[in-house]
Amino acid sequence: MIRSMTGFGRGEVLHEDIRITVEMKAVNHRYFDVNIRMPRNLNVFEAKVRSTLKKYIERGKVDVFITLEDYSKSSVSLHYNEQLAQQYYDCHQKIAQQFGLENDLRPSHLGRCPDVIMLEEHGSDESRLWETLKEALETACRGFVEARSAEGEHLKTDLLTKLDSMMENVAVVEERYPQIVQEYADRLREKVTELLGDSKIDESRIAAELVIFSDKLCTDEETVRLKSHIISMRNELEKGGAVGRKLDFIAQEMNREANTILSKANDLATSQTAIELKTDIEKVREQIQNIE
């Protein structure tokens, strides 16, 4: 199955007093590039998160957003550092005695001193946290892959239509080539007859000229290779999987053949057909950039 590189997925799991939500989105990228944003107390699982993502994604720039809601009453508490508070008090008392001042230190003042009163987070069970996170992450990944697959099928249908159009244009180039040679032969004979009058035409000279002319215009090799590339791309699309890089390479080869056909064209109809080929190939290359 063909998958697009753009997609979105979301997973949310509530386990007892912990809710974890995972949202992910992706855009085109040559390689697998992931950016993870999550709470500090989940950073320990970053390697596992990346490993899980690699099971579902091969290419694309992926942004992952993870949020944690802890509803347990004992998740945080205040800690009073009694020894540090005593040191602050002693320092203020010493200052008051040294300068003959009144020590107006109040408990509210002392409590605002750095690190006297601190907010402590109690560690959660890591195994329980990871199981909840893993479930939410895999739910998001499955939805993400499903969205990519649906978009990929649309891309596949569009690409197959363009390949059919390209194959028709290649057939037009092949059919037009002998007609061009024949038209040139007719014009050549008319010109020679006009110049020589009733004199006998040397057919061997005419044939030699036609050989040179037809060799300059011959696109048999290019059309054969172009048809082979079109068939190869169609087969890769039908096979599915992460074929974006391979399709991009095939499209480059197709463009090379179309350029050669256009450069050899000595006929308006062939030139127009070659331009249509190049236009379709460029559209195909743009679409391929969206395929994983």
C-alpha atoms as a PDB file:
ATOM      1  CA  MET A   1       0.000   0.000   0.000  1.00  0.00           C
ATOM      2  CA  ILE A   2       1.247   3.470  -0.927  1.00  0.00           C
ATOM      3  CA  ARG A   3       1.451   5.939   1.960  1.00  0.00           C
ATOM      4  CA  SER A   4       1.611   9.702   1.878  1.00  0.00           C
ATOM      5  CA  MET A   5       4.192  11.506   4.020  1.00  0.00           C
ATOM      6  CA  THR A   6       1.587  13.915   5.369  1.00  0.00           C
ATOM      7  CA  GLY A   7      -0.771  12.759   8.089  1.00  0.00           C
ATOM      8  CA  PHE A   8      -2.171  13.246  11.579  1.00  0.00           C
ATOM      9  CA  GLY A   9      -2.805  10.858  14.456  1.00  0.00           C
ATOM     10  CA  ARG A  10      -4.099  11.154  18.012  1.00  0.00           C
ATOM     11  CA  GLY A  11      -4.242   8.793  20.957  1.00  0.00           C
ATOM     12  CA  GLU A  12      -5.521   9.319  24.483  1.00  0.00           C
ATOM     13  CA  VAL A  13      -5.446   6.876  27.391  1.00  0.00           C
ATOM     14  CA  LEU A  14      -6.809   7.345  30.915  1.00  0.00           C
ATOM     15  CA  HIS A  15      -5.396   4.797  33.323  1.00  0.00           C
ATOM     16  CA  GLU A  16      -6.551   5.186  36.937  1.00  0.00           C
ATOM     17  CA  ASP A  17      -5.352   8.692  37.863  1.00  0.00           C
ATOM     18  CA  ILE A  18      -3.114   9.320  34.813  1.00  0.00           C
ATOM     19  CA  ARG A  19      -4.217  10.627  31.410  1.00  0.00           C
ATOM     20  CA  ILE A  20      -1.701  10.723  28.546  1.00  0.00           C
ATOM     21  CA  THR A  21      -2.496  12.296  25.181  1.00  0.00           C
ATOM     22  CA  VAL A  22      -0.330  11.892  22.088  1.00  0.00           C
ATOM     23  CA  GLU A  23      -0.791  13.963  18.943  1.00  0.00           C
ATOM     24  CA  MET A  24       1.428  13.674  15.880  1.00  0.00           C
ATOM     25  CA  LYS A  25       1.611  15.248  12.460  1.00  0.00           C
ATOM     26  CA  ALA A  26       4.051  14.991   9.570  1.00  0.00           C
ATOM     27  CA  VAL A  27       5.144  16.745   6.385  1.00  0.00           C
ATOM     28  CA  ASN A  28       7.491  15.809   3.533  1.00  0.00           C
ATOM     29  CA  HIS A  29      11.141  15.097   4.262  1.00  0.00           C
ATOM     30  CA  ARG A  30      13.864  13.079   2.556  1.00  0.00           C
ATOM     31  CA  TYR A  31      14.598  11.124   5.740  1.00  0.00           C
ATOM     32  CA  PHE A  32      12.986  10.220   9.064  1.00  0.00           C
ATOM     33  CA  ASP A  33      13.193  13.329  11.248  1.00  0.00           C
ATOM     34  CA  VAL A  34      11.220  13.401  14.497  1.00  0.00           C
ATOM     35  CA  ASN A  35      10.748  16.199  17.023  1.00  0.00           C
ATOM     36  CA  ILE A  36       9.241  15.133  20.373  1.00  0.00           C
ATOM     37  CA  ARG A  37       7.752  17.532  22.900  1.00  0.00           C
ATOM     38  CA  MET A  38       6.741  16.016  26.229  1.00  0.00           C
ATOM     39  CA  PRO A  39       6.764  16.744  29.974  1.00  0.00           C
ATOM     40  CA  ARG A  40      10.084  16.579  31.768  1.00  0.00           C
ATOM     41  CA  ASN A  41       9.093  13.574  33.841  1.00  0.00           C
ATOM     42  CA  LEU A  42       8.536  11.569  30.633  1.00  0.00           C
ATOM     43  CA  ASN A  43      11.959  12.345  29.117  1.00  0.00           C
ATOM     44  CA  VAL A  44      13.264   9.027  30.389  1.00  0.00           C
ATOM     45  CA  PHE A  45      11.093   7.316  27.745  1.00  0.00           C
ATOM     46  CA  GLU A  46      12.351   9.308  24.743  1.00  0.00           C
ATOM     47  CA  ALA A  47      14.421   6.441  23.320  1.00  0.00           C
ATOM     48  CA  LYS A  48      11.458   4.062  23.592  1.00  0.00           C
ATOM     49  CA  VAL A  49       9.172   6.608  21.944  1.00  0.00           C
ATOM     50  CA  ARG A  50      11.566   6.994  19.001  1.00  0.00           C
ATOM     51  CA  SER A  51      11.905   3.239  18.664  1.00  0.00           C
ATOM     52  CA  THR A  52       8.118   2.832  18.583  1.00  0.00           C
ATOM     53  CA  LEU A  53       7.741   5.556  15.953  1.00  0.00           C
ATOM     54  CA  LYS A  54      10.291   3.865  13.676  1.00  0.00           C
ATOM     55  CA  LYS A  55       8.091   0.769  13.563  1.00  0.00           C
ATOM     56  CA  TYR A  56       5.352   2.795  11.865  1.00  0.00           C
ATOM     57  CA  ILE A  57       7.220   5.510   9.944  1.00  0.00           C
ATOM     58  CA  GLU A  58      10.115   5.327   7.481  1.00  0.00           C
ATOM     59  CA  ARG A  59      10.244   8.862   6.068  1.00  0.00           C
ATOM     60  CA  GLY A  60       8.901  12.302   6.888  1.00  0.00           C
ATOM     61  CA  LYS A  61       9.366  15.183   9.306  1.00  0.00           C
ATOM     62  CA  VAL A  62       7.243  14.190  12.296  1.00  0.00           C
ATOM     63  CA  ASP A  63       6.223  16.397  15.221  1.00  0.00           C
ATOM     64  CA  VAL A  64       4.988  14.520  18.298  1.00  0.00           C
ATOM     65  CA  PHE A  65       3.227  16.293  21.184  1.00  0.00           C
ATOM     66  CA  ILE A  66       2.736  14.389  24.453  1.00  0.00           C
ATOM     67  CA  THR A  67       0.796  15.730  27.434  1.00  0.00           C
ATOM     68  CA  LEU A  68       0.438  14.180  30.885  1.00  0.00           C
ATOM     69  CA  GLU A  69      -2.338  14.877  33.376  1.00  0.00           C
ATOM     70  CA  ASP A  70      -1.811  13.430  36.847  1.00  0.00           C
ATOM     71  CA  TYR A  71      -4.962  13.484  38.993  1.00  0.00           C
ATOM     72  CA  SER A  72      -3.451  11.777  42.035  1.00  0.00           C
ATOM     73  CA  LYS A  73      -3.645  13.886  45.186  1.00  0.00           C
ATOM     74  CA  SER A  74      -0.198  12.886  46.352  1.00  0.00           C
ATOM     75  CA  SER A  75       1.629  13.766  43.151  1.00  0.00           C
ATOM     76  CA  VAL A  76       3.079  16.991  44.627  1.00  0.00           C
ATOM     77  CA  SER A  77       3.793  18.353  48.122  1.00  0.00           C
ATOM     78  CA  LEU A  78       5.534  21.240  49.859  1.00  0.00           C
ATOM     79  CA  HIS A  79       8.882  20.641  51.532  1.00  0.00           C
ATOM     80  CA  TYR A  80      10.110  22.871  54.385  1.00  0.00           C
ATOM     81  CA  ASN A  81      13.900  23.052  54.648  1.00  0.00           C
ATOM     82  CA  GLU A  82      14.254  23.675  58.378  1.00  0.00           C
ATOM     83  CA  GLN A  83      18.053  23.842  58.461  1.00  0.00           C
ATOM     84  CA  LEU A  84      18.210  26.391  55.648  1.00  0.00           C
ATOM     85  CA  ALA A  85      15.513  28.498  57.336  1.00  0.00           C
ATOM     86  CA  GLN A  86      17.561  28.499  60.548  1.00  0.00           C
ATOM     87  CA  GLN A  87      20.607  29.747  58.665  1.00  0.00           C
ATOM     88  CA  TYR A  88      18.602  32.568  57.070  1.00  0.00           C
ATOM     89  CA  TYR A  89      17.276  33.542  60.528  1.00  0.00           C
ATOM     90  CA  ASP A  90      20.763  33.495  62.092  1.00  0.00           C
ATOM     91  CA  CYS A  91      22.135  35.686  59.304  1.00  0.00           C
ATOM     92  CA  HIS A  92      19.359  38.264  59.724  1.00  0.00           C
ATOM     93  CA  GLN A  93      19.853  38.215  63.514  1.00  0.00           C
ATOM     94  CA  LYS A  94      23.583  38.777  63.121  1.00  0.00           C
ATOM     95  CA  ILE A  95      22.998  41.715  60.792  1.00  0.00           C
ATOM     96  CA  ALA A  96      20.548  43.282  63.274  1.00  0.00           C
ATOM     97  CA  GLN A  97      23.017  42.940  66.164  1.00  0.00           C
ATOM     98  CA  GLN A  98      25.974  44.219  64.172  1.00  0.00           C
ATOM     99  CA  PHE A  99      24.259  47.429  63.083  1.00  0.00           C
ATOM    100  CA  GLY A 100      22.024  47.916  66.114  1.00  0.00           C
ATOM    101  CA  LEU A 101      18.858  47.393  64.132  1.00  0.00           C
ATOM    102  CA  GLU A 102      15.551  45.804  65.021  1.00  0.00           C
ATOM    103  CA  ASN A 103      15.175  42.340  63.598  1.00  0.00           C
ATOM    104  CA  ASP A 104      11.815  42.609  61.823  1.00  0.00           C
ATOM    105  CA  LEU A 105      12.046  39.198  60.139  1.00  0.00           C
ATOM    106  CA  ARG A 106       8.608  37.586  59.903  1.00  0.00           C
ATOM    107  CA  PRO A 107       7.692  33.977  58.994  1.00  0.00           C
ATOM    108  CA  SER A 108       6.228  35.245  55.694  1.00  0.00           C
ATOM    109  CA  HIS A 109       9.571  36.875  54.880  1.00  0.00           C
ATOM    110  CA  LEU A 110      11.493  33.778  55.812  1.00  0.00           C
ATOM    111  CA  GLY A 111       9.220  31.562  53.719  1.00  0.00           C
ATOM    112  CA  ARG A 112      10.021  33.611  50.611  1.00  0.00           C
ATOM    113  CA  CYS A 113      13.749  33.032  50.951  1.00  0.00           C
ATOM    114  CA  PRO A 114      15.116  30.775  48.169  1.00  0.00           C
ATOM    115  CA  ASP A 115      14.680  27.031  48.725  1.00  0.00           C
ATOM    116  CA  VAL A 116      13.154  27.370  52.220  1.00  0.00           C
ATOM    117  CA  ILE A 117       9.809  26.120  50.926  1.00  0.00           C
ATOM    118  CA  MET A 118       9.932  23.994  47.745  1.00  0.00           C
ATOM    119  CA  LEU A 119       7.396  22.144  45.616  1.00  0.00           C
ATOM    120  CA  GLU A 120       8.265  18.469  45.319  1.00  0.00           C
ATOM    121  CA  GLU A 121       6.955  16.065  42.700  1.00  0.00           C
ATOM    122  CA  HIS A 122       6.645  12.476  43.832  1.00  0.00           C
ATOM    123  CA  GLY A 123       7.941   9.938  41.358  1.00  0.00           C
ATOM    124  CA  SER A 124       5.359   7.794  39.615  1.00  0.00           C
ATOM    125  CA  ASP A 125       5.678   4.117  38.843  1.00  0.00           C
ATOM    126  CA  GLU A 126       7.762   4.113  35.632  1.00  0.00           C
ATOM    127  CA  SER A 127       6.403   0.822  34.347  1.00  0.00           C
ATOM    128  CA  ARG A 128       2.813   2.052  34.745  1.00  0.00           C
ATOM    129  CA  LEU A 129       3.690   5.374  33.102  1.00  0.00           C
ATOM    130  CA  TRP A 130       5.334   3.663  30.126  1.00  0.00           C
ATOM    131  CA  GLU A 131       2.452   1.224  29.575  1.00  0.00           C
ATOM    132  CA  THR A 132       0.004   4.136  29.499  1.00  0.00           C
ATOM    133  CA  LEU A 133       2.252   6.185  27.219  1.00  0.00           C
ATOM    134  CA  LYS A 134       2.900   3.232  24.932  1.00  0.00           C
ATOM    135  CA  GLU A 135      -0.815   2.546  24.508  1.00  0.00           C
ATOM    136  CA  ALA A 136      -1.557   6.191  23.665  1.00  0.00           C
ATOM    137  CA  LEU A 137       1.448   6.369  21.327  1.00  0.00           C
ATOM    138  CA  GLU A 138       0.526   3.242  19.383  1.00  0.00           C
ATOM    139  CA  THR A 139      -3.090   4.410  19.084  1.00  0.00           C
ATOM    140  CA  ALA A 140      -1.837   7.687  17.603  1.00  0.00           C
ATOM    141  CA  CYS A 141       0.557   5.829  15.278  1.00  0.00           C
ATOM    142  CA  ARG A 142      -2.180   3.556  13.946  1.00  0.00           C
ATOM    143  CA  GLY A 143      -4.431   6.529  13.236  1.00  0.00           C
ATOM    144  CA  PHE A 144      -1.473   8.331  11.690  1.00  0.00           C
ATOM    145  CA  VAL A 145      -0.671   5.417   9.360  1.00  0.00           C
ATOM    146  CA  GLU A 146      -4.345   5.052   8.436  1.00  0.00           C
ATOM    147  CA  ALA A 147      -4.523   8.732   7.433  1.00  0.00           C
ATOM    148  CA  ARG A 148      -1.308   8.405   5.436  1.00  0.00           C
ATOM    149  CA  SER A 149      -2.582   5.284   3.681  1.00  0.00           C
ATOM    150  CA  ALA A 150      -5.864   6.933   2.694  1.00  0.00           C
ATOM    151  CA  GLU A 151      -4.008   9.909   1.238  1.00  0.00           C
ATOM    152  CA  GLY A 152      -1.536   7.530  -0.415  1.00  0.00           C
ATOM    153  CA  GLU A 153      -4.352   5.762  -2.285  1.00  0.00           C
ATOM    154  CA  HIS A 154      -5.478   9.101  -3.707  1.00  0.00           C
ATOM    155  CA  LEU A 155      -1.914   9.824  -4.817  1.00  0.00           C
ATOM    156  CA  LYS A 156      -1.640   6.383  -6.390  1.00  0.00           C
ATOM    157  CA  THR A 157      -4.854   6.835  -8.382  1.00  0.00           C
ATOM    158  CA  ASP A 158      -3.706  10.234  -9.626  1.00  0.00           C
ATOM    159  CA  LEU A 159      -0.258   8.937 -10.580  1.00  0.00           C
ATOM    160  CA  LEU A 160      -1.665   5.953 -12.479  1.00  0.00           C
ATOM    161  CA  THR A 161      -3.897   8.307 -14.468  1.00  0.00           C
ATOM    162  CA  LYS A 162      -0.894  10.456 -15.379  1.00  0.00           C
ATOM    163  CA  LEU A 163       1.106   7.370 -16.378  1.00  0.00           C
ATOM    164  CA  ASP A 164      -1.709   6.314 -18.734  1.00  0.00           C
ATOM    165  CA  SER A 165      -1.613   9.767 -20.310  1.00  0.00           C
ATOM    166  CA  MET A 166       2.176   9.532 -20.697  1.00  0.00           C
ATOM    167  CA  MET A 167       1.942   6.126 -22.341  1.00  0.00           C
ATOM    168  CA  GLU A 168      -0.570   7.520 -24.846  1.00  0.00           C
ATOM    169  CA  ASN A 169       1.783  10.394 -25.698  1.00  0.00           C
ATOM    170  CA  VAL A 170       4.697   7.998 -26.186  1.00  0.00           C
ATOM    171  CA  ALA A 171       2.531   6.065 -28.656  1.00  0.00           C
ATOM    172  CA  VAL A 172       1.814   9.329 -30.506  1.00  0.00           C
ATOM    173  CA  VAL A 173       5.582  10.008 -30.810  1.00  0.00           C
ATOM    174  CA  GLU A 174       6.168   6.480 -32.142  1.00  0.00           C
ATOM    175  CA  GLU A 175       3.361   6.766 -34.686  1.00  0.00           C
ATOM    176  CA  ARG A 176       4.463  10.206 -35.830  1.00  0.00           C
ATOM    177  CA  TYR A 177       8.121   9.286 -36.556  1.00  0.00           C
ATOM    178  CA  PRO A 178       7.592   7.278 -39.828  1.00  0.00           C
ATOM    179  CA  GLN A 179       5.126   9.909 -41.008  1.00  0.00           C
ATOM    180  CA  ILE A 180       7.766  12.631 -40.538  1.00  0.00           C
ATOM    181  CA  VAL A 181      10.303  10.633 -42.564  1.00  0.00           C
ATOM    182  CA  GLN A 182       7.779   9.977 -45.326  1.00  0.00           C
ATOM    183  CA  GLU A 183       6.763  13.630 -45.478  1.00  0.00           C
ATOM    184  CA  TYR A 184      10.428  14.622 -45.715  1.00  0.00           C
ATOM    185  CA  ALA A 185      10.986  12.095 -48.530  1.00  0.00           C
ATOM    186  CA  ASP A 186       8.022  13.495 -50.461  1.00  0.00           C
ATOM    187  CA  ARG A 187       9.263  17.068 -50.047  1.00  0.00           C
ATOM    188  CA  LEU A 188      12.770  16.013 -51.072  1.00  0.00           C
ATOM    189  CA  ARG A 189      11.562  14.331 -54.254  1.00  0.00           C
ATOM    190  CA  GLU A 190       9.425  17.343 -55.122  1.00  0.00           C
ATOM    191  CA  LYS A 191      12.405  19.655 -54.658  1.00  0.00           C
ATOM    192  CA  VAL A 192      14.719  17.461 -56.749  1.00  0.00           C
ATOM    193  CA  THR A 193      12.113  17.147 -59.501  1.00  0.00           C
ATOM    194  CA  GLU A 194      11.668  20.904 -59.496  1.00  0.00           C
ATOM    195  CA  LEU A 195      15.414  21.414 -59.855  1.00  0.00           C
ATOM    196  CA  LEU A 196      16.210  18.628 -62.376  1.00  0.00           C
ATOM    197  CA  GLY A 197      13.026  18.727 -64.398  1.00  0.00           C
ATOM    198  CA  ASP A 198      12.585  15.569 -66.466  1.00  0.00           C
ATOM    199  CA  SER A 199      16.009  14.211 -65.567  1.00  0.00           C
ATOM    200  CA  LYS A 200      16.056  10.860 -63.836  1.00  0.00           C
ATOM    201  CA  ILE A 201      16.189  11.034 -60.041  1.00  0.00           C
ATOM    202  CA  ASP A 202      19.036   9.141 -58.403  1.00  0.00           C
ATOM    203  CA  GLU A 203      17.093   7.071 -55.837  1.00  0.00           C
ATOM    204  CA  SER A 204      20.291   5.987 -54.089  1.00  0.00           C
ATOM    205  CA  ARG A 205      21.103   9.600 -53.258  1.00  0.00           C
ATOM    206  CA  ILE A 206      17.559  10.143 -52.036  1.00  0.00           C
ATOM    207  CA  ALA A 207      17.812   7.014 -49.862  1.00  0.00           C
ATOM    208  CA  ALA A 208      21.158   8.132 -48.414  1.00  0.00           C
ATOM    209  CA  GLU A 209      19.710  11.515 -47.533  1.00  0.00           C
ATOM    210  CA  LEU A 210      16.692   9.875 -45.896  1.00  0.00           C
ATOM    211  CA  VAL A 211      18.953   7.628 -43.810  1.00  0.00           C
ATOM    212  CA  ILE A 212      20.844  10.654 -42.460  1.00  0.00           C
ATOM    213  CA  PHE A 213      17.628  12.547 -41.780  1.00  0.00           C
ATOM    214  CA  SER A 214      15.840   9.643 -40.097  1.00  0.00           C
ATOM    215  CA  ASP A 215      18.887   8.879 -37.931  1.00  0.00           C
ATOM    216  CA  LYS A 216      18.851  12.435 -36.575  1.00  0.00           C
ATOM    217  CA  LEU A 217      15.166  12.170 -35.684  1.00  0.00           C
ATOM    218  CA  CYS A 218      15.060   8.573 -34.505  1.00  0.00           C
ATOM    219  CA  THR A 219      13.680   8.325 -30.968  1.00  0.00           C
ATOM    220  CA  ASP A 220      13.165   4.552 -30.862  1.00  0.00           C
ATOM    221  CA  GLU A 221      15.646   4.079 -28.006  1.00  0.00           C
ATOM    222  CA  GLU A 222      14.156   6.937 -25.992  1.00  0.00           C
ATOM    223  CA  THR A 223      10.549   5.795 -26.410  1.00  0.00           C
ATOM    224  CA  VAL A 224      11.435   2.187 -25.541  1.00  0.00           C
ATOM    225  CA  ARG A 225      13.241   3.294 -22.371  1.00  0.00           C
ATOM    226  CA  LEU A 226      10.476   5.733 -21.485  1.00  0.00           C
ATOM    227  CA  LYS A 227       7.830   3.022 -21.804  1.00  0.00           C
ATOM    228  CA  SER A 228       9.984   0.757 -19.659  1.00  0.00           C
ATOM    229  CA  HIS A 229      10.223   3.464 -16.973  1.00  0.00           C
ATOM    230  CA  ILE A 230       6.453   4.022 -17.064  1.00  0.00           C
ATOM    231  CA  ILE A 231       5.813   0.288 -16.638  1.00  0.00           C
ATOM    232  CA  SER A 232       8.406   0.109 -13.849  1.00  0.00           C
ATOM    233  CA  MET A 233       6.791   3.011 -11.986  1.00  0.00           C
ATOM    234  CA  ARG A 234       3.363   1.428 -12.355  1.00  0.00           C
ATOM    235  CA  ASN A 235       4.686  -1.864 -10.940  1.00  0.00           C
ATOM    236  CA  GLU A 236       6.249  -0.080  -7.954  1.00  0.00           C
ATOM    237  CA  LEU A 237       2.976   1.724  -7.253  1.00  0.00           C
ATOM    238  CA  GLU A 238       1.061  -1.554  -7.366  1.00  0.00           C
ATOM    239  CA  LYS A 239       3.632  -3.252  -5.138  1.00  0.00           C
ATOM    240  CA  GLY A 240       3.376  -0.484  -2.547  1.00  0.00           C
ATOM    241  CA  GLY A 241       5.495   0.081   0.534  1.00  0.00           C
ATOM    242  CA  ALA A 242       8.059   2.840   1.080  1.00  0.00           C
ATOM    243  CA  VAL A 243       8.891   3.370  -2.606  1.00  0.00           C
ATOM    244  CA  GLY A 244       9.129   7.180  -2.679  1.00  0.00           C
ATOM    245  CA  ARG A 245      12.902   7.308  -3.244  1.00  0.00           C
ATOM    246  CA  LYS A 246      12.764   4.690  -6.011  1.00  0.00           C
ATOM    247  CA  LEU A 247       9.894   6.469  -7.760  1.00  0.00           C
ATOM    248  CA  ASP A 248      11.803   9.743  -7.611  1.00  0.00           C
ATOM    249  CA  PHE A 249      14.799   8.121  -9.316  1.00  0.00           C
ATOM    250  CA  ILE A 250      12.584   6.621 -12.045  1.00  0.00           C
ATOM    251  CA  ALA A 251      10.963  10.028 -12.626  1.00  0.00           C
ATOM    252  CA  GLN A 252      14.414  11.582 -13.142  1.00  0.00           C
ATOM    253  CA  GLU A 253      15.203   8.973 -15.808  1.00  0.00           C
ATOM    254  CA  MET A 254      11.835   9.592 -17.479  1.00  0.00           C
ATOM    255  CA  ASN A 255      12.561  13.315 -17.618  1.00  0.00           C
ATOM    256  CA  ARG A 256      15.927  12.637 -19.263  1.00  0.00           C
ATOM    257  CA  GLU A 257      14.299  10.595 -22.054  1.00  0.00           C
ATOM    258  CA  ALA A 258      11.605  13.222 -22.608  1.00  0.00           C
ATOM    259  CA  ASN A 259      14.265  15.931 -22.919  1.00  0.00           C
ATOM    260  CA  THR A 260      16.065  13.904 -25.596  1.00  0.00           C
ATOM    261  CA  ILE A 261      12.834  13.357 -27.533  1.00  0.00           C
ATOM    262  CA  LEU A 262      12.135  17.105 -27.435  1.00  0.00           C
ATOM    263  CA  SER A 263      15.658  17.979 -28.578  1.00  0.00           C
ATOM    264  CA  LYS A 264      15.357  15.610 -31.564  1.00  0.00           C
ATOM    265  CA  ALA A 265      11.891  16.787 -32.557  1.00  0.00           C
ATOM    266  CA  ASN A 266      11.829  18.364 -36.018  1.00  0.00           C
ATOM    267  CA  ASP A 267       8.077  18.499 -36.155  1.00  0.00           C
ATOM    268  CA  LEU A 268       5.539  20.732 -34.429  1.00  0.00           C
ATOM    269  CA  ALA A 269       3.200  17.894 -33.436  1.00  0.00           C
ATOM    270  CA  THR A 270       6.075  15.861 -31.954  1.00  0.00           C
ATOM    271  CA  SER A 271       7.381  18.921 -30.083  1.00  0.00           C
ATOM    272  CA  GLN A 272       3.950  19.569 -28.577  1.00  0.00           C
ATOM    273  CA  THR A 273       3.617  15.914 -27.554  1.00  0.00           C
ATOM    274  CA  ALA A 274       7.099  15.963 -25.972  1.00  0.00           C
ATOM    275  CA  ILE A 275       6.177  19.108 -24.035  1.00  0.00           C
ATOM    276  CA  GLU A 276       3.031  17.377 -22.760  1.00  0.00           C
ATOM    277  CA  LEU A 277       5.220  14.442 -21.697  1.00  0.00           C
ATOM    278  CA  LYS A 278       7.557  16.741 -19.774  1.00  0.00           C
ATOM    279  CA  THR A 279       4.586  18.480 -18.145  1.00  0.00           C
ATOM    280  CA  ASP A 280       3.116  15.154 -16.981  1.00  0.00           C
ATOM    281  CA  ILE A 281       6.507  13.974 -15.735  1.00  0.00           C
ATOM    282  CA  GLU A 282       6.950  17.177 -13.724  1.00  0.00           C
ATOM    283  CA  LYS A 283       3.511  16.696 -12.176  1.00  0.00           C
ATOM    284  CA  VAL A 284       4.445  13.107 -11.345  1.00  0.00           C
ATOM    285  CA  ARG A 285       7.681  14.240  -9.691  1.00  0.00           C
ATOM    286  CA  GLU A 286       5.784  16.748  -7.560  1.00  0.00           C
ATOM    287  CA  GLN A 287       3.338  14.080  -6.404  1.00  0.00           C
ATOM    288  CA  ILE A 288       6.117  11.609  -5.686  1.00  0.00           C
ATOM    289  CA  GLN A 289       7.601  14.056  -3.172  1.00  0.00           C
ATOM    290  CA  ASN A 290       4.539  13.316  -1.022  1.00  0.00           C
ATOM    291  CA  ILE A 291       5.070   9.531  -1.035  1.00  0.00           C
ATOM    292  CA  GLU A 292       6.879   7.809   1.819  1.00  0.00           C
END
